[in-house]
Amino acid sequence: MYDAIIVGSGPAAVSAALTLKLHEKSFCIFGSRAMSRKVESSEKIA
């Protein structure tokens, strides 16, 4: 049994995954390895 499952691979999912990893929790993240399409298509981020 996993401690957590994360559904998605965008910024929110990445942020949560990093925190869970630092606290040595077992988890699985389901999403696209291409990460967030919305972020990818952003022309400029300021």
PDB file of all heavy atoms in Angstrom:
ATOM      1  N   MET A   1       0.844  -1.197   0.000  1.00  0.00           N
ATOM      2  CA  MET A   1       0.000   0.000   0.000  1.00  0.00           C
ATOM      3  C   MET A   1       0.881   1.249   0.000  1.00  0.00           C
ATOM      4  O   MET A   1       1.779   1.384   0.826  1.00  0.00           O
ATOM      5  CB  MET A   1      -0.925   0.004   1.220  1.00  0.00           C
ATOM      6  CG  MET A   1      -1.705   1.294   1.383  1.00  0.00           C
ATOM      7  SD  MET A   1      -2.748   1.351   2.860  1.00  0.00           S
ATOM      8  CE  MET A   1      -4.258   0.683   2.203  1.00  0.00           C
ATOM      9  N   TYR A   2       0.610   2.157  -0.930  1.00  0.00           N
ATOM     10  CA  TYR A   2       1.341   3.422  -0.989  1.00  0.00           C
ATOM     11  C   TYR A   2       0.857   4.375   0.099  1.00  0.00           C
ATOM     12  O   TYR A   2      -0.315   4.344   0.492  1.00  0.00           O
ATOM     13  CB  TYR A   2       1.131   4.097  -2.341  1.00  0.00           C
ATOM     14  CG  TYR A   2       1.808   3.404  -3.507  1.00  0.00           C
ATOM     15  CD1 TYR A   2       1.076   2.649  -4.410  1.00  0.00           C
ATOM     16  CD2 TYR A   2       3.182   3.545  -3.718  1.00  0.00           C
ATOM     17  CE1 TYR A   2       1.687   2.025  -5.493  1.00  0.00           C
ATOM     18  CE2 TYR A   2       3.798   2.937  -4.797  1.00  0.00           C
ATOM     19  CZ  TYR A   2       3.050   2.173  -5.675  1.00  0.00           C
ATOM     20  OH  TYR A   2       3.648   1.562  -6.741  1.00  0.00           O
ATOM     21  N   ASP A   3       1.747   5.235   0.554  1.00  0.00           N
ATOM     22  CA  ASP A   3       1.318   6.310   1.443  1.00  0.00           C
ATOM     23  C   ASP A   3       0.424   7.291   0.681  1.00  0.00           C
ATOM     24  O   ASP A   3      -0.539   7.819   1.242  1.00  0.00           O
ATOM     25  CB  ASP A   3       2.527   7.069   2.001  1.00  0.00           C
ATOM     26  CG  ASP A   3       3.308   6.264   3.027  1.00  0.00           C
ATOM     27  OD1 ASP A   3       2.666   5.551   3.822  1.00  0.00           O
ATOM     28  OD2 ASP A   3       4.554   6.338   3.015  1.00  0.00           O
ATOM     29  N   ALA A   4       0.754   7.522  -0.583  1.00  0.00           N
ATOM     30  CA  ALA A   4      -0.002   8.493  -1.366  1.00  0.00           C
ATOM     31  C   ALA A   4       0.045   8.151  -2.844  1.00  0.00           C
ATOM     32  O   ALA A   4       0.997   7.543  -3.329  1.00  0.00           O
ATOM     33  CB  ALA A   4       0.546   9.900  -1.144  1.00  0.00           C
ATOM     34  N   ILE A   5      -0.994   8.579  -3.553  1.00  0.00           N
ATOM     35  CA  ILE A   5      -1.009   8.555  -5.012  1.00  0.00           C
ATOM     36  C   ILE A   5      -1.361   9.959  -5.477  1.00  0.00           C
ATOM     37  O   ILE A   5      -2.293  10.581  -4.968  1.00  0.00           O
ATOM     38  CB  ILE A   5      -2.007   7.520  -5.572  1.00  0.00           C
ATOM     39  CG1 ILE A   5      -1.414   6.115  -5.449  1.00  0.00           C
ATOM     40  CG2 ILE A   5      -2.362   7.818  -7.029  1.00  0.00           C
ATOM     41  CD1 ILE A   5      -2.299   5.000  -5.952  1.00  0.00           C
ATOM     42  N   ILE A   6      -0.584  10.444  -6.429  1.00  0.00           N
ATOM     43  CA  ILE A   6      -0.805  11.770  -7.005  1.00  0.00           C
ATOM     44  C   ILE A   6      -1.328  11.590  -8.420  1.00  0.00           C
ATOM     45  O   ILE A   6      -0.727  10.876  -9.220  1.00  0.00           O
ATOM     46  CB  ILE A   6       0.495  12.592  -7.024  1.00  0.00           C
ATOM     47  CG1 ILE A   6       1.037  12.779  -5.602  1.00  0.00           C
ATOM     48  CG2 ILE A   6       0.272  13.945  -7.695  1.00  0.00           C
ATOM     49  CD1 ILE A   6       2.419  13.410  -5.551  1.00  0.00           C
ATOM     50  N   VAL A   7      -2.434  12.242  -8.718  1.00  0.00           N
ATOM     51  CA  VAL A   7      -3.028  12.156 -10.051  1.00  0.00           C
ATOM     52  C   VAL A   7      -2.754  13.469 -10.778  1.00  0.00           C
ATOM     53  O   VAL A   7      -3.300  14.514 -10.433  1.00  0.00           O
ATOM     54  CB  VAL A   7      -4.543  11.890  -9.975  1.00  0.00           C
ATOM     55  CG1 VAL A   7      -5.114  11.699 -11.380  1.00  0.00           C
ATOM     56  CG2 VAL A   7      -4.824  10.662  -9.123  1.00  0.00           C
ATOM     57  N   GLY A   8      -1.876  13.422 -11.772  1.00  0.00           N
ATOM     58  CA  GLY A   8      -1.475  14.614 -12.503  1.00  0.00           C
ATOM     59  C   GLY A   8       0.034  14.775 -12.451  1.00  0.00           C
ATOM     60  O   GLY A   8       0.710  14.173 -11.605  1.00  0.00           O
ATOM     61  N   SER A   9       0.574  15.579 -13.378  1.00  0.00           N
ATOM     62  CA  SER A   9       2.023  15.793 -13.386  1.00  0.00           C
ATOM     63  C   SER A   9       2.380  17.241 -13.709  1.00  0.00           C
ATOM     64  O   SER A   9       3.443  17.522 -14.252  1.00  0.00           O
ATOM     65  CB  SER A   9       2.695  14.845 -14.397  1.00  0.00           C
ATOM     66  OG  SER A   9       2.147  14.994 -15.693  1.00  0.00           O
ATOM     67  N   GLY A  10       1.479  18.145 -13.356  1.00  0.00           N
ATOM     68  CA  GLY A  10       1.748  19.562 -13.526  1.00  0.00           C
ATOM     69  C   GLY A  10       2.442  20.151 -12.318  1.00  0.00           C
ATOM     70  O   GLY A  10       2.926  19.420 -11.437  1.00  0.00           O
ATOM     71  N   PRO A  11       2.513  21.482 -12.216  1.00  0.00           N
ATOM     72  CA  PRO A  11       3.240  22.142 -11.115  1.00  0.00           C
ATOM     73  C   PRO A  11       2.785  21.737  -9.722  1.00  0.00           C
ATOM     74  O   PRO A  11       3.617  21.543  -8.831  1.00  0.00           O
ATOM     75  CB  PRO A  11       2.977  23.630 -11.378  1.00  0.00           C
ATOM     76  CG  PRO A  11       2.753  23.713 -12.849  1.00  0.00           C
ATOM     77  CD  PRO A  11       2.020  22.461 -13.207  1.00  0.00           C
ATOM     78  N   ALA A  12       1.488  21.600  -9.489  1.00  0.00           N
ATOM     79  CA  ALA A  12       0.994  21.204  -8.168  1.00  0.00           C
ATOM     80  C   ALA A  12       1.451  19.800  -7.815  1.00  0.00           C
ATOM     81  O   ALA A  12       1.869  19.526  -6.689  1.00  0.00           O
ATOM     82  CB  ALA A  12      -0.533  21.293  -8.117  1.00  0.00           C
ATOM     83  N   ALA A  13       1.382  18.905  -8.795  1.00  0.00           N
ATOM     84  CA  ALA A  13       1.797  17.519  -8.570  1.00  0.00           C
ATOM     85  C   ALA A  13       3.294  17.437  -8.300  1.00  0.00           C
ATOM     86  O   ALA A  13       3.741  16.708  -7.400  1.00  0.00           O
ATOM     87  CB  ALA A  13       1.430  16.664  -9.787  1.00  0.00           C
ATOM     88  N   VAL A  14       4.081  18.174  -9.068  1.00  0.00           N
ATOM     89  CA  VAL A  14       5.538  18.184  -8.887  1.00  0.00           C
ATOM     90  C   VAL A  14       5.896  18.698  -7.499  1.00  0.00           C
ATOM     91  O   VAL A  14       6.724  18.112  -6.788  1.00  0.00           O
ATOM     92  CB  VAL A  14       6.212  19.047  -9.969  1.00  0.00           C
ATOM     93  CG1 VAL A  14       7.688  19.252  -9.654  1.00  0.00           C
ATOM     94  CG2 VAL A  14       6.063  18.392 -11.347  1.00  0.00           C
ATOM     95  N   SER A  15       5.267  19.790  -7.085  1.00  0.00           N
ATOM     96  CA  SER A  15       5.539  20.373  -5.775  1.00  0.00           C
ATOM     97  C   SER A  15       5.237  19.382  -4.658  1.00  0.00           C
ATOM     98  O   SER A  15       6.035  19.195  -3.730  1.00  0.00           O
ATOM     99  CB  SER A  15       4.698  21.644  -5.596  1.00  0.00           C
ATOM    100  OG  SER A  15       4.882  22.206  -4.320  1.00  0.00           O
ATOM    101  N   ALA A  16       4.100  18.725  -4.740  1.00  0.00           N
ATOM    102  CA  ALA A  16       3.722  17.750  -3.714  1.00  0.00           C
ATOM    103  C   ALA A  16       4.664  16.549  -3.725  1.00  0.00           C
ATOM    104  O   ALA A  16       5.075  16.062  -2.666  1.00  0.00           O
ATOM    105  CB  ALA A  16       2.280  17.293  -3.941  1.00  0.00           C
ATOM    106  N   ALA A  17       5.020  16.086  -4.921  1.00  0.00           N
ATOM    107  CA  ALA A  17       5.898  14.918  -5.031  1.00  0.00           C
ATOM    108  C   ALA A  17       7.262  15.180  -4.412  1.00  0.00           C
ATOM    109  O   ALA A  17       7.821  14.326  -3.713  1.00  0.00           O
ATOM    110  CB  ALA A  17       6.048  14.520  -6.501  1.00  0.00           C
ATOM    111  N   LEU A  18       7.818  16.364  -4.640  1.00  0.00           N
ATOM    112  CA  LEU A  18       9.122  16.701  -4.088  1.00  0.00           C
ATOM    113  C   LEU A  18       9.080  16.691  -2.555  1.00  0.00           C
ATOM    114  O   LEU A  18       9.998  16.199  -1.889  1.00  0.00           O
ATOM    115  CB  LEU A  18       9.578  18.064  -4.598  1.00  0.00           C
ATOM    116  CG  LEU A  18       9.878  18.156  -6.100  1.00  0.00           C
ATOM    117  CD1 LEU A  18      10.140  19.606  -6.503  1.00  0.00           C
ATOM    118  CD2 LEU A  18      11.064  17.276  -6.481  1.00  0.00           C
ATOM    119  N   THR A  19       8.001  17.248  -1.995  1.00  0.00           N
ATOM    120  CA  THR A  19       7.863  17.292  -0.537  1.00  0.00           C
ATOM    121  C   THR A  19       7.709  15.889   0.048  1.00  0.00           C
ATOM    122  O   THR A  19       8.340  15.546   1.059  1.00  0.00           O
ATOM    123  CB  THR A  19       6.663  18.167  -0.135  1.00  0.00           C
ATOM    124  OG1 THR A  19       6.895  19.514  -0.594  1.00  0.00           O
ATOM    125  CG2 THR A  19       6.474  18.194   1.378  1.00  0.00           C
ATOM    126  N   LEU A  20       6.880  15.067  -0.577  1.00  0.00           N
ATOM    127  CA  LEU A  20       6.695  13.699  -0.094  1.00  0.00           C
ATOM    128  C   LEU A  20       7.994  12.905  -0.196  1.00  0.00           C
ATOM    129  O   LEU A  20       8.306  12.092   0.687  1.00  0.00           O
ATOM    130  CB  LEU A  20       5.586  13.005  -0.885  1.00  0.00           C
ATOM    131  CG  LEU A  20       4.168  13.535  -0.673  1.00  0.00           C
ATOM    132  CD1 LEU A  20       3.192  12.850  -1.628  1.00  0.00           C
ATOM    133  CD2 LEU A  20       3.714  13.333   0.777  1.00  0.00           C
ATOM    134  N   LYS A  21       8.742  13.141  -1.261  1.00  0.00           N
ATOM    135  CA  LYS A  21      10.017  12.442  -1.444  1.00  0.00           C
ATOM    136  C   LYS A  21      11.002  12.829  -0.345  1.00  0.00           C
ATOM    137  O   LYS A  21      11.702  11.968   0.217  1.00  0.00           O
ATOM    138  CB  LYS A  21      10.598  12.779  -2.813  1.00  0.00           C
ATOM    139  CG  LYS A  21      11.915  12.075  -3.139  1.00  0.00           C
ATOM    140  CD  LYS A  21      11.725  10.591  -3.363  1.00  0.00           C
ATOM    141  CE  LYS A  21      13.009   9.944  -3.827  1.00  0.00           C
ATOM    142  NZ  LYS A  21      12.828   8.491  -4.111  1.00  0.00           N
ATOM    143  N   LEU A  22      11.080  14.107  -0.022  1.00  0.00           N
ATOM    144  CA  LEU A  22      11.998  14.578   1.015  1.00  0.00           C
ATOM    145  C   LEU A  22      11.652  13.979   2.386  1.00  0.00           C
ATOM    146  O   LEU A  22      12.530  13.826   3.226  1.00  0.00           O
ATOM    147  CB  LEU A  22      11.976  16.107   1.083  1.00  0.00           C
ATOM    148  CG  LEU A  22      12.642  16.835  -0.098  1.00  0.00           C
ATOM    149  CD1 LEU A  22      12.333  18.319  -0.048  1.00  0.00           C
ATOM    150  CD2 LEU A  22      14.154  16.593  -0.080  1.00  0.00           C
ATOM    151  N   HIS A  23      10.375  13.637   2.562  1.00  0.00           N
ATOM    152  CA  HIS A  23       9.949  13.045   3.834  1.00  0.00           C
ATOM    153  C   HIS A  23       9.890  11.519   3.748  1.00  0.00           C
ATOM    154  O   HIS A  23       9.338  10.871   4.638  1.00  0.00           O
ATOM    155  CB  HIS A  23       8.585  13.612   4.252  1.00  0.00           C
ATOM    156  CG  HIS A  23       8.661  15.011   4.772  1.00  0.00           C
ATOM    157  ND1 HIS A  23       8.754  16.122   3.951  1.00  0.00           N
ATOM    158  CD2 HIS A  23       8.691  15.495   6.050  1.00  0.00           C
ATOM    159  CE1 HIS A  23       8.803  17.220   4.690  1.00  0.00           C
ATOM    160  NE2 HIS A  23       8.783  16.858   5.960  1.00  0.00           N
ATOM    161  N   GLU A  24      10.471  10.982   2.683  1.00  0.00           N
ATOM    162  CA  GLU A  24      10.647   9.539   2.514  1.00  0.00           C
ATOM    163  C   GLU A  24       9.334   8.762   2.573  1.00  0.00           C
ATOM    164  O   GLU A  24       9.252   7.674   3.145  1.00  0.00           O
ATOM    165  CB  GLU A  24      11.638   8.999   3.561  1.00  0.00           C
ATOM    166  CG  GLU A  24      13.017   9.636   3.446  1.00  0.00           C
ATOM    167  CD  GLU A  24      14.003   9.078   4.461  1.00  0.00           C
ATOM    168  OE1 GLU A  24      13.557   8.495   5.473  1.00  0.00           O
ATOM    169  OE2 GLU A  24      15.222   9.208   4.226  1.00  0.00           O
ATOM    170  N   LYS A  25       8.298   9.315   1.955  1.00  0.00           N
ATOM    171  CA  LYS A  25       7.029   8.614   1.869  1.00  0.00           C
ATOM    172  C   LYS A  25       6.961   7.820   0.565  1.00  0.00           C
ATOM    173  O   LYS A  25       7.560   8.199  -0.442  1.00  0.00           O
ATOM    174  CB  LYS A  25       5.860   9.602   1.939  1.00  0.00           C
ATOM    175  CG  LYS A  25       5.776  10.361   3.262  1.00  0.00           C
ATOM    176  CD  LYS A  25       5.643   9.395   4.445  1.00  0.00           C
ATOM    177  CE  LYS A  25       5.586  10.138   5.775  1.00  0.00           C
ATOM    178  NZ  LYS A  25       5.508   9.192   6.928  1.00  0.00           N
ATOM    179  N   SER A  26       6.232   6.724   0.601  1.00  0.00           N
ATOM    180  CA  SER A  26       6.051   5.931  -0.615  1.00  0.00           C
ATOM    181  C   SER A  26       4.854   6.485  -1.393  1.00  0.00           C
ATOM    182  O   SER A  26       3.782   6.705  -0.818  1.00  0.00           O
ATOM    183  CB  SER A  26       5.797   4.465  -0.250  1.00  0.00           C
ATOM    184  OG  SER A  26       4.598   4.318   0.479  1.00  0.00           O
ATOM    185  N   PHE A  27       5.064   6.729  -2.662  1.00  0.00           N
ATOM    186  CA  PHE A  27       3.964   7.276  -3.455  1.00  0.00           C
ATOM    187  C   PHE A  27       4.169   6.942  -4.925  1.00  0.00           C
ATOM    188  O   PHE A  27       5.259   6.571  -5.365  1.00  0.00           O
ATOM    189  CB  PHE A  27       3.843   8.796  -3.273  1.00  0.00           C
ATOM    190  CG  PHE A  27       5.025   9.590  -3.776  1.00  0.00           C
ATOM    191  CD1 PHE A  27       5.054  10.097  -5.064  1.00  0.00           C
ATOM    192  CD2 PHE A  27       6.114   9.818  -2.945  1.00  0.00           C
ATOM    193  CE1 PHE A  27       6.141  10.826  -5.514  1.00  0.00           C
ATOM    194  CE2 PHE A  27       7.213  10.544  -3.383  1.00  0.00           C
ATOM    195  CZ  PHE A  27       7.221  11.056  -4.681  1.00  0.00           C
ATOM    196  N   CYS A  28       3.081   7.080  -5.666  1.00  0.00           N
ATOM    197  CA  CYS A  28       3.114   6.887  -7.112  1.00  0.00           C
ATOM    198  C   CYS A  28       2.439   8.092  -7.742  1.00  0.00           C
ATOM    199  O   CYS A  28       1.437   8.599  -7.218  1.00  0.00           O
ATOM    200  CB  CYS A  28       2.376   5.604  -7.487  1.00  0.00           C
ATOM    201  SG  CYS A  28       2.533   5.138  -9.225  1.00  0.00           S
ATOM    202  N   ILE A  29       2.997   8.576  -8.826  1.00  0.00           N
ATOM    203  CA  ILE A  29       2.436   9.731  -9.514  1.00  0.00           C
ATOM    204  C   ILE A  29       2.037   9.316 -10.923  1.00  0.00           C
ATOM    205  O   ILE A  29       2.853   8.830 -11.701  1.00  0.00           O
ATOM    206  CB  ILE A  29       3.424  10.924  -9.514  1.00  0.00           C
ATOM    207  CG1 ILE A  29       2.877  12.098 -10.324  1.00  0.00           C
ATOM    208  CG2 ILE A  29       4.803  10.535  -9.960  1.00  0.00           C
ATOM    209  CD1 ILE A  29       3.682  13.374 -10.137  1.00  0.00           C
ATOM    210  N   PHE A  30       0.752   9.471 -11.229  1.00  0.00           N
ATOM    211  CA  PHE A  30       0.219   9.117 -12.539  1.00  0.00           C
ATOM    212  C   PHE A  30       0.013  10.384 -13.369  1.00  0.00           C
ATOM    213  O   PHE A  30      -0.671  11.315 -12.941  1.00  0.00           O
ATOM    214  CB  PHE A  30      -1.120   8.393 -12.402  1.00  0.00           C
ATOM    215  CG  PHE A  30      -1.013   7.050 -11.738  1.00  0.00           C
ATOM    216  CD1 PHE A  30      -1.647   6.799 -10.528  1.00  0.00           C
ATOM    217  CD2 PHE A  30      -0.289   6.027 -12.328  1.00  0.00           C
ATOM    218  CE1 PHE A  30      -1.562   5.562  -9.915  1.00  0.00           C
ATOM    219  CE2 PHE A  30      -0.189   4.780 -11.722  1.00  0.00           C
ATOM    220  CZ  PHE A  30      -0.827   4.548 -10.516  1.00  0.00           C
ATOM    221  N   GLY A  31       0.605  10.413 -14.544  1.00  0.00           N
ATOM    222  CA  GLY A  31       0.463  11.568 -15.414  1.00  0.00           C
ATOM    223  C   GLY A  31       1.311  11.417 -16.658  1.00  0.00           C
ATOM    224  O   GLY A  31       1.767  10.312 -16.984  1.00  0.00           O
ATOM    225  N   SER A  32       1.546  12.518 -17.334  1.00  0.00           N
ATOM    226  CA  SER A  32       2.347  12.505 -18.555  1.00  0.00           C
ATOM    227  C   SER A  32       3.801  12.849 -18.235  1.00  0.00           C
ATOM    228  O   SER A  32       4.069  13.795 -17.489  1.00  0.00           O
ATOM    229  CB  SER A  32       1.795  13.520 -19.557  1.00  0.00           C
ATOM    230  OG  SER A  32       2.684  13.696 -20.639  1.00  0.00           O
ATOM    231  N   ARG A  33       4.726  12.090 -18.813  1.00  0.00           N
ATOM    232  CA  ARG A  33       6.148  12.396 -18.616  1.00  0.00           C
ATOM    233  C   ARG A  33       6.529  13.691 -19.322  1.00  0.00           C
ATOM    234  O   ARG A  33       7.592  14.245 -19.061  1.00  0.00           O
ATOM    235  CB  ARG A  33       7.007  11.233 -19.118  1.00  0.00           C
ATOM    236  CG  ARG A  33       6.837   9.961 -18.298  1.00  0.00           C
ATOM    237  CD  ARG A  33       7.902   8.933 -18.612  1.00  0.00           C
ATOM    238  NE  ARG A  33       7.664   7.692 -17.883  1.00  0.00           N
ATOM    239  CZ  ARG A  33       7.121   6.607 -18.402  1.00  0.00           C
ATOM    240  NH1 ARG A  33       6.767   6.605 -19.685  1.00  0.00           N
ATOM    241  NH2 ARG A  33       6.930   5.528 -17.677  1.00  0.00           N
ATOM    242  N   ALA A  34       5.669  14.171 -20.199  1.00  0.00           N
ATOM    243  CA  ALA A  34       5.885  15.469 -20.852  1.00  0.00           C
ATOM    244  C   ALA A  34       5.494  16.614 -19.926  1.00  0.00           C
ATOM    245  O   ALA A  34       5.586  17.782 -20.298  1.00  0.00           O
ATOM    246  CB  ALA A  34       5.095  15.548 -22.153  1.00  0.00           C
ATOM    247  N   MET A  35       5.067  16.273 -18.719  1.00  0.00           N
ATOM    248  CA  MET A  35       4.664  17.238 -17.699  1.00  0.00           C
ATOM    249  C   MET A  35       3.409  17.998 -18.135  1.00  0.00           C
ATOM    250  O   MET A  35       2.540  17.423 -18.766  1.00  0.00           O
ATOM    251  CB  MET A  35       5.824  18.198 -17.371  1.00  0.00           C
ATOM    252  CG  MET A  35       7.168  17.521 -17.157  1.00  0.00           C
ATOM    253  SD  MET A  35       7.208  16.342 -15.804  1.00  0.00           S
ATOM    254  CE  MET A  35       7.225  17.444 -14.400  1.00  0.00           C
ATOM    255  N   SER A  36       3.351  19.294 -17.843  1.00  0.00           N
ATOM    256  CA  SER A  36       2.146  20.073 -18.105  1.00  0.00           C
ATOM    257  C   SER A  36       2.144  20.677 -19.513  1.00  0.00           C
ATOM    258  O   SER A  36       3.036  21.434 -19.877  1.00  0.00           O
ATOM    259  CB  SER A  36       2.030  21.202 -17.075  1.00  0.00           C
ATOM    260  OG  SER A  36       1.048  22.136 -17.457  1.00  0.00           O
ATOM    261  N   ARG A  37       1.115  20.356 -20.284  1.00  0.00           N
ATOM    262  CA  ARG A  37       0.989  20.957 -21.613  1.00  0.00           C
ATOM    263  C   ARG A  37       0.733  22.462 -21.514  1.00  0.00           C
ATOM    264  O   ARG A  37       1.179  23.233 -22.351  1.00  0.00           O
ATOM    265  CB  ARG A  37      -0.160  20.292 -22.380  1.00  0.00           C
ATOM    266  CG  ARG A  37       0.112  18.846 -22.779  1.00  0.00           C
ATOM    267  CD  ARG A  37      -0.980  18.322 -23.665  1.00  0.00           C
ATOM    268  NE  ARG A  37      -0.720  16.963 -24.094  1.00  0.00           N
ATOM    269  CZ  ARG A  37      -1.480  16.308 -24.956  1.00  0.00           C
ATOM    270  NH1 ARG A  37      -2.550  16.895 -25.448  1.00  0.00           N
ATOM    271  NH2 ARG A  37      -1.176  15.068 -25.310  1.00  0.00           N
ATOM    272  N   LYS A  38      -0.022  22.837 -20.483  1.00  0.00           N
ATOM    273  CA  LYS A  38      -0.323  24.256 -20.301  1.00  0.00           C
ATOM    274  C   LYS A  38       0.950  25.049 -20.030  1.00  0.00           C
ATOM    275  O   LYS A  38       1.165  26.116 -20.613  1.00  0.00           O
ATOM    276  CB  LYS A  38      -1.309  24.432 -19.139  1.00  0.00           C
ATOM    277  CG  LYS A  38      -1.619  25.887 -18.834  1.00  0.00           C
ATOM    278  CD  LYS A  38      -2.502  26.000 -17.603  1.00  0.00           C
ATOM    279  CE  LYS A  38      -2.670  27.450 -17.191  1.00  0.00           C
ATOM    280  NZ  LYS A  38      -3.452  27.596 -15.954  1.00  0.00           N
ATOM    281  N   VAL A  39       1.807  24.537 -19.151  1.00  0.00           N
ATOM    282  CA  VAL A  39       3.078  25.219 -18.875  1.00  0.00           C
ATOM    283  C   VAL A  39       3.936  25.234 -20.134  1.00  0.00           C
ATOM    284  O   VAL A  39       4.524  26.251 -20.493  1.00  0.00           O
ATOM    285  CB  VAL A  39       3.823  24.526 -17.722  1.00  0.00           C
ATOM    286  CG1 VAL A  39       5.210  25.141 -17.538  1.00  0.00           C
ATOM    287  CG2 VAL A  39       3.032  24.641 -16.423  1.00  0.00           C
ATOM    288  N   GLU A  40       4.022  24.105 -20.804  1.00  0.00           N
ATOM    289  CA  GLU A  40       4.855  23.974 -22.006  1.00  0.00           C
ATOM    290  C   GLU A  40       4.487  25.007 -23.067  1.00  0.00           C
ATOM    291  O   GLU A  40       5.350  25.535 -23.766  1.00  0.00           O
ATOM    292  CB  GLU A  40       4.711  22.560 -22.578  1.00  0.00           C
ATOM    293  CG  GLU A  40       5.615  22.263 -23.763  1.00  0.00           C
ATOM    294  CD  GLU A  40       7.077  22.072 -23.379  1.00  0.00           C
ATOM    295  OE1 GLU A  40       7.357  21.775 -22.202  1.00  0.00           O
ATOM    296  OE2 GLU A  40       7.930  22.224 -24.274  1.00  0.00           O
ATOM    297  N   SER A  41       3.202  25.304 -23.187  1.00  0.00           N
ATOM    298  CA  SER A  41       2.744  26.212 -24.242  1.00  0.00           C
ATOM    299  C   SER A  41       2.788  27.687 -23.841  1.00  0.00           C
ATOM    300  O   SER A  41       2.455  28.555 -24.646  1.00  0.00           O
ATOM    301  CB  SER A  41       1.316  25.841 -24.656  1.00  0.00           C
ATOM    302  OG  SER A  41       0.420  25.972 -23.565  1.00  0.00           O
ATOM    303  N   SER A  42       3.187  27.966 -22.592  1.00  0.00           N
ATOM    304  CA  SER A  42       3.264  29.373 -22.150  1.00  0.00           C
ATOM    305  C   SER A  42       4.449  30.070 -22.818  1.00  0.00           C
ATOM    306  O   SER A  42       5.588  29.624 -22.693  1.00  0.00           O
ATOM    307  CB  SER A  42       3.417  29.438 -20.625  1.00  0.00           C
ATOM    308  OG  SER A  42       2.295  28.876 -19.987  1.00  0.00           O
ATOM    309  N   GLU A  43       4.183  31.151 -23.513  1.00  0.00           N
ATOM    310  CA  GLU A  43       5.241  31.842 -24.255  1.00  0.00           C
ATOM    311  C   GLU A  43       6.228  32.528 -23.319  1.00  0.00           C
ATOM    312  O   GLU A  43       7.444  32.423 -23.497  1.00  0.00           O
ATOM    313  CB  GLU A  43       4.627  32.876 -25.202  1.00  0.00           C
ATOM    314  CG  GLU A  43       5.630  33.565 -26.088  1.00  0.00           C
ATOM    315  CD  GLU A  43       4.995  34.535 -27.058  1.00  0.00           C
ATOM    316  OE1 GLU A  43       3.756  34.646 -27.053  1.00  0.00           O
ATOM    317  OE2 GLU A  43       5.729  35.193 -27.815  1.00  0.00           O
ATOM    318  N   LYS A  44       5.695  33.236 -22.313  1.00  0.00           N
ATOM    319  CA  LYS A  44       6.559  33.937 -21.365  1.00  0.00           C
ATOM    320  C   LYS A  44       5.985  33.803 -19.958  1.00  0.00           C
ATOM    321  O   LYS A  44       4.779  33.900 -19.753  1.00  0.00           O
ATOM    322  CB  LYS A  44       6.686  35.417 -21.727  1.00  0.00           C
ATOM    323  CG  LYS A  44       7.436  35.678 -23.027  1.00  0.00           C
ATOM    324  CD  LYS A  44       7.528  37.167 -23.304  1.00  0.00           C
ATOM    325  CE  LYS A  44       8.280  37.449 -24.602  1.00  0.00           C
ATOM    326  NZ  LYS A  44       8.376  38.898 -24.894  1.00  0.00           N
ATOM    327  N   ILE A  45       6.869  33.591 -18.986  1.00  0.00           N
ATOM    328  CA  ILE A  45       6.483  33.528 -17.576  1.00  0.00           C
ATOM    329  C   ILE A  45       7.339  34.522 -16.818  1.00  0.00           C
ATOM    330  O   ILE A  45       8.567  34.402 -16.791  1.00  0.00           O
ATOM    331  CB  ILE A  45       6.676  32.110 -17.018  1.00  0.00           C
ATOM    332  CG1 ILE A  45       5.778  31.115 -17.768  1.00  0.00           C
ATOM    333  CG2 ILE A  45       6.365  32.074 -15.521  1.00  0.00           C
ATOM    334  CD1 ILE A  45       6.054  29.681 -17.441  1.00  0.00           C
ATOM    335  N   ALA A  46       6.678  35.510 -16.208  1.00  0.00           N
ATOM    336  CA  ALA A  46       7.430  36.591 -15.572  1.00  0.00           C
ATOM    337  C   ALA A  46       7.201  36.688 -14.067  1.00  0.00           C
ATOM    338  O   ALA A  46       7.854  37.492 -13.404  1.00  0.00           O
ATOM    339  CB  ALA A  46       7.060  37.925 -16.223  1.00  0.00           C
TER     340      ALA A  46
END
